[in-house]
């Protein structure tokens, strides 16, 4: 089974477990979801055949998932899930990550492998994401819930652009943190910081995936 010409976003929607696999290979299935698997793998010099084999195994072995099928869910249910599962979670995650990053920078700033600047990037992400989520909650989501699908098209384009910006900020964060990999002698705060950043990136990618690849296309198709 060949997945080479399939878009990452489509595979992430169609195959349960694909998002976890893509994260393992550092393949961007949310902001980069329009790229084909073949193109993305070539860009990162990855073994395409190996990834296709693992995707085929996932597709073959997929069982009925207990998770909600958001491709069929009511818009109001999807929006409620996004706010509760992702918006509220990001609002909890980022202030704690900023504090941890500041602590690591203050204590270990003399080390070459210290992620200097990570706290500044996290503060920028926090500020931008807060504004972004407020716009969704106060403008876009009420439009969708009211059935104003044509009016929602322009705000959706703005949100997708901001998703791209967030993806670029995450890439900067990865570059500062050795792809979020702590050194072998890292202290507990350093390890907690990187563990928290990894969890945040996972949540953010699934958040953007649910909007870019599922909710927004459904709304635009109805406009």
Protein backbone atom coordinates (compact mmCIF):
# COMPACT_ATOMS: atom_id res chain seq x y z
CA UNK A 1 0.00 0.00 0.00
CA UNK A 2 1.53 3.33 -1.07
CA UNK A 3 0.98 6.50 0.92
CA UNK A 4 3.69 8.52 -0.84
CA UNK A 5 1.29 10.85 -2.66
CA UNK A 6 -1.16 11.21 0.23
CA UNK A 7 -1.20 14.47 2.18
CA UNK A 8 -0.01 14.31 5.79
CA UNK A 9 -3.21 15.97 7.00
CA UNK A 10 -5.38 13.41 5.21
CA UNK A 11 -3.38 10.50 6.64
CA UNK A 12 -3.58 12.01 10.13
CA UNK A 13 -7.38 12.10 9.83
CA UNK A 14 -7.82 8.69 8.19
CA UNK A 15 -5.44 6.45 10.18
CA UNK A 16 -5.71 6.22 13.98
CA UNK A 17 -2.22 6.43 15.45
CA UNK A 18 -0.74 8.26 12.46
CA UNK A 19 -0.35 11.50 14.40
CA UNK A 20 1.82 9.79 17.02
CA UNK A 21 3.91 8.20 14.26
CA UNK A 22 4.37 11.54 12.50
CA UNK A 23 5.50 13.18 15.75
CA UNK A 24 8.08 10.40 16.15
CA UNK A 25 9.54 11.30 12.75
CA UNK A 26 9.08 15.06 13.36
CA UNK A 27 6.67 15.34 10.42
CA UNK A 28 4.36 18.36 10.64
CA UNK A 29 0.85 17.04 9.98
CA UNK A 30 -0.96 20.20 11.12
CA UNK A 31 0.56 23.37 9.62
CA UNK A 32 2.36 21.23 7.03
CA UNK A 33 -0.63 18.98 6.49
CA UNK A 34 -0.94 19.89 2.78
CA UNK A 35 2.47 18.34 2.03
CA UNK A 36 2.54 14.78 0.72
CA UNK A 37 4.23 12.10 2.77
CA UNK A 38 6.77 11.55 -0.01
CA UNK A 39 7.72 15.23 -0.15
CA UNK A 40 7.95 15.60 3.64
CA UNK A 41 10.04 12.43 4.01
CA UNK A 42 12.43 13.52 1.25
CA UNK A 43 12.79 16.95 2.86
CA UNK A 44 14.00 15.34 6.10
CA UNK A 45 15.95 12.48 4.47
CA UNK A 46 13.69 9.89 6.09
CA UNK A 47 13.17 6.27 5.08
CA UNK A 48 9.86 6.51 3.19
CA UNK A 49 9.44 2.75 2.86
CA UNK A 50 9.80 2.30 6.62
CA UNK A 51 7.18 4.97 7.35
CA UNK A 52 4.79 3.54 4.74
CA UNK A 53 5.16 0.06 6.27
CA UNK A 54 4.31 1.38 9.73
CA UNK A 55 1.34 3.34 8.37
CA UNK A 56 0.11 0.22 6.56
CA UNK A 57 0.35 -1.74 9.81
CA UNK A 58 -1.67 0.94 11.61
CA UNK A 59 -4.30 0.97 8.85
CA UNK A 60 -4.56 -2.81 8.79
CA UNK A 61 -4.78 -3.21 12.54
CA UNK A 62 -7.01 -0.28 13.35
CA UNK A 63 -9.90 -1.19 15.58
CA UNK A 64 -12.96 0.81 16.42
CA UNK A 65 -11.59 3.73 18.36
CA UNK A 66 -13.25 4.93 21.53
CA UNK A 67 -12.39 8.49 20.54
CA UNK A 68 -15.07 10.70 19.04
CA UNK A 69 -15.14 10.81 15.24
CA UNK A 70 -14.81 14.56 14.77
CA UNK A 71 -15.35 14.28 11.00
CA UNK A 72 -19.01 13.50 11.75
CA UNK A 73 -19.57 15.38 15.02
CA UNK A 74 -21.82 18.40 15.41
CA UNK A 75 -19.86 21.65 15.10
CA UNK A 76 -20.93 22.73 18.59
CA UNK A 77 -19.53 19.50 20.07
CA UNK A 78 -16.24 19.89 18.22
CA UNK A 79 -15.89 23.50 19.35
CA UNK A 80 -16.72 22.63 22.94
CA UNK A 81 -14.05 19.91 22.84
CA UNK A 82 -11.43 22.27 21.36
CA UNK A 83 -12.01 24.85 24.08
CA UNK A 84 -12.06 22.37 26.97
CA UNK A 85 -9.30 20.03 25.80
CA UNK A 86 -6.89 22.44 24.13
CA UNK A 87 -7.59 26.11 24.88
CA UNK A 88 -7.89 25.61 28.62
CA UNK A 89 -4.94 23.23 28.66
CA UNK A 90 -2.66 25.69 26.84
CA UNK A 91 -3.65 28.39 29.34
CA UNK A 92 -2.49 26.08 32.14
CA UNK A 93 0.67 24.81 30.42
CA UNK A 94 2.41 27.94 29.22
CA UNK A 95 2.75 30.00 32.45
CA UNK A 96 4.33 26.99 34.18
CA UNK A 97 6.68 26.33 31.25
CA UNK A 98 7.79 29.98 31.26
CA UNK A 99 8.65 29.77 34.97
CA UNK A 100 10.60 26.54 34.46
CA UNK A 101 12.48 27.97 31.47
CA UNK A 102 13.45 31.07 33.44
CA UNK A 103 14.69 28.88 36.29
CA UNK A 104 16.81 26.69 33.99
CA UNK A 105 18.27 29.74 32.23
CA UNK A 106 19.09 31.44 35.54
CA UNK A 107 20.74 28.38 37.08
CA UNK A 108 22.45 26.84 34.03
CA UNK A 109 23.03 29.88 31.81
CA UNK A 110 26.80 29.29 31.84
CA UNK A 111 26.40 25.94 30.03
CA UNK A 112 26.67 25.76 26.24
CA UNK A 113 23.69 23.41 26.07
CA UNK A 114 21.42 25.62 28.19
CA UNK A 115 18.31 26.64 26.21
CA UNK A 116 18.94 30.38 26.51
CA UNK A 117 16.05 32.28 24.96
CA UNK A 118 13.50 29.52 25.47
CA UNK A 119 11.62 31.55 28.07
CA UNK A 120 11.36 34.49 25.63
CA UNK A 121 9.98 32.22 22.88
CA UNK A 122 7.50 30.66 25.31
CA UNK A 123 6.35 34.14 26.40
CA UNK A 124 5.80 35.10 22.75
CA UNK A 125 3.85 31.88 22.12
CA UNK A 126 1.79 32.52 25.26
CA UNK A 127 0.89 36.08 24.22
CA UNK A 128 0.11 35.20 20.59
CA UNK A 129 -1.82 32.04 21.44
CA UNK A 130 -3.93 33.84 24.04
CA UNK A 131 -4.98 36.43 21.45
CA UNK A 132 -5.57 33.71 18.88
CA UNK A 133 -7.79 31.62 21.18
CA UNK A 134 -9.79 34.69 22.22
CA UNK A 135 -10.50 35.50 18.56
CA UNK A 136 -11.69 31.94 18.00
CA UNK A 137 -13.87 31.93 21.11
CA UNK A 138 -15.33 35.42 20.66
CA UNK A 139 -15.60 35.71 16.87
CA UNK A 140 -15.07 32.57 14.78
CA UNK A 141 -16.68 29.88 16.91
CA UNK A 142 -19.90 31.89 17.54
CA UNK A 143 -20.15 32.43 13.76
CA UNK A 144 -19.87 28.71 13.11
CA UNK A 145 -22.37 27.84 15.85
CA UNK A 146 -24.79 30.40 14.35
CA UNK A 147 -24.48 28.77 10.92
CA UNK A 148 -22.77 31.83 9.37
CA UNK A 149 -20.44 29.68 7.31
CA UNK A 150 -19.78 32.16 4.47
CA UNK A 151 -18.88 34.88 6.97
CA UNK A 152 -16.53 32.45 8.71
CA UNK A 153 -14.33 31.95 5.65
CA UNK A 154 -12.16 35.04 6.17
CA UNK A 155 -11.64 34.50 9.92
CA UNK A 156 -10.72 30.88 9.13
CA UNK A 157 -8.01 32.09 6.74
CA UNK A 158 -6.65 34.38 9.46
CA UNK A 159 -6.65 31.55 12.00
CA UNK A 160 -4.83 29.23 9.58
CA UNK A 161 -2.18 31.91 8.99
CA UNK A 162 -1.73 32.28 12.75
CA UNK A 163 -1.43 28.50 13.05
CA UNK A 164 1.49 28.70 10.60
CA UNK A 165 3.09 31.39 12.77
CA UNK A 166 2.70 29.19 15.85
CA UNK A 167 4.31 26.31 13.98
CA UNK A 168 7.31 28.51 13.19
CA UNK A 169 7.62 29.51 16.85
CA UNK A 170 7.63 25.83 17.82
CA UNK A 171 10.46 25.20 15.35
CA UNK A 172 12.50 27.95 17.04
CA UNK A 173 11.79 26.32 20.40
CA UNK A 174 12.98 22.97 19.06
CA UNK A 175 16.19 24.52 17.75
CA UNK A 176 16.95 26.05 21.17
CA UNK A 177 16.34 22.78 23.02
CA UNK A 178 18.16 20.21 20.86
CA UNK A 179 14.79 19.07 19.53
CA UNK A 180 13.48 19.05 23.11
CA UNK A 181 16.10 16.51 24.24
CA UNK A 182 17.63 17.14 27.66
CA UNK A 183 21.32 16.46 28.29
CA UNK A 184 22.11 13.25 30.18
CA UNK A 185 23.05 15.18 33.34
CA UNK A 186 20.05 17.54 33.27
CA UNK A 187 18.51 18.44 36.61
CA UNK A 188 14.88 17.69 37.45
CA UNK A 189 13.70 21.20 36.49
CA UNK A 190 15.39 20.92 33.11
CA UNK A 191 13.82 17.51 32.49
CA UNK A 192 10.42 18.76 33.66
CA UNK A 193 10.71 21.74 31.29
CA UNK A 194 11.44 19.56 28.27
CA UNK A 195 8.78 17.02 29.22
CA UNK A 196 6.27 19.86 29.51
CA UNK A 197 7.36 21.39 26.19
CA UNK A 198 6.95 18.03 24.47
CA UNK A 199 3.46 17.64 25.91
CA UNK A 200 2.58 21.20 24.85
CA UNK A 201 3.82 20.57 21.28
CA UNK A 202 1.79 17.34 21.11
CA UNK A 203 -1.33 19.15 22.31
CA UNK A 204 -0.79 22.12 20.00
CA UNK A 205 -0.29 19.91 16.95
CA UNK A 206 -3.45 17.92 17.68
CA UNK A 207 -5.30 21.18 18.37
CA UNK A 208 -4.25 22.68 15.01
CA UNK A 209 -4.86 19.37 13.24
CA UNK A 210 -8.44 19.22 14.51
CA UNK A 211 -9.10 22.74 13.26
CA UNK A 212 -7.06 22.87 10.00
CA UNK A 213 -7.76 19.36 8.75
CA UNK A 214 -11.25 18.62 10.12
CA UNK A 215 -13.36 21.53 11.45
CA UNK A 216 -12.34 24.33 9.07
CA UNK A 217 -12.65 22.32 5.81
CA UNK A 218 -16.11 21.13 6.86
CA UNK A 219 -17.25 24.71 7.50
CA UNK A 220 -15.72 26.07 4.27
CA UNK A 221 -17.43 23.31 2.27
CA UNK A 222 -20.79 24.51 3.58
CA UNK A 223 -20.13 28.20 2.83
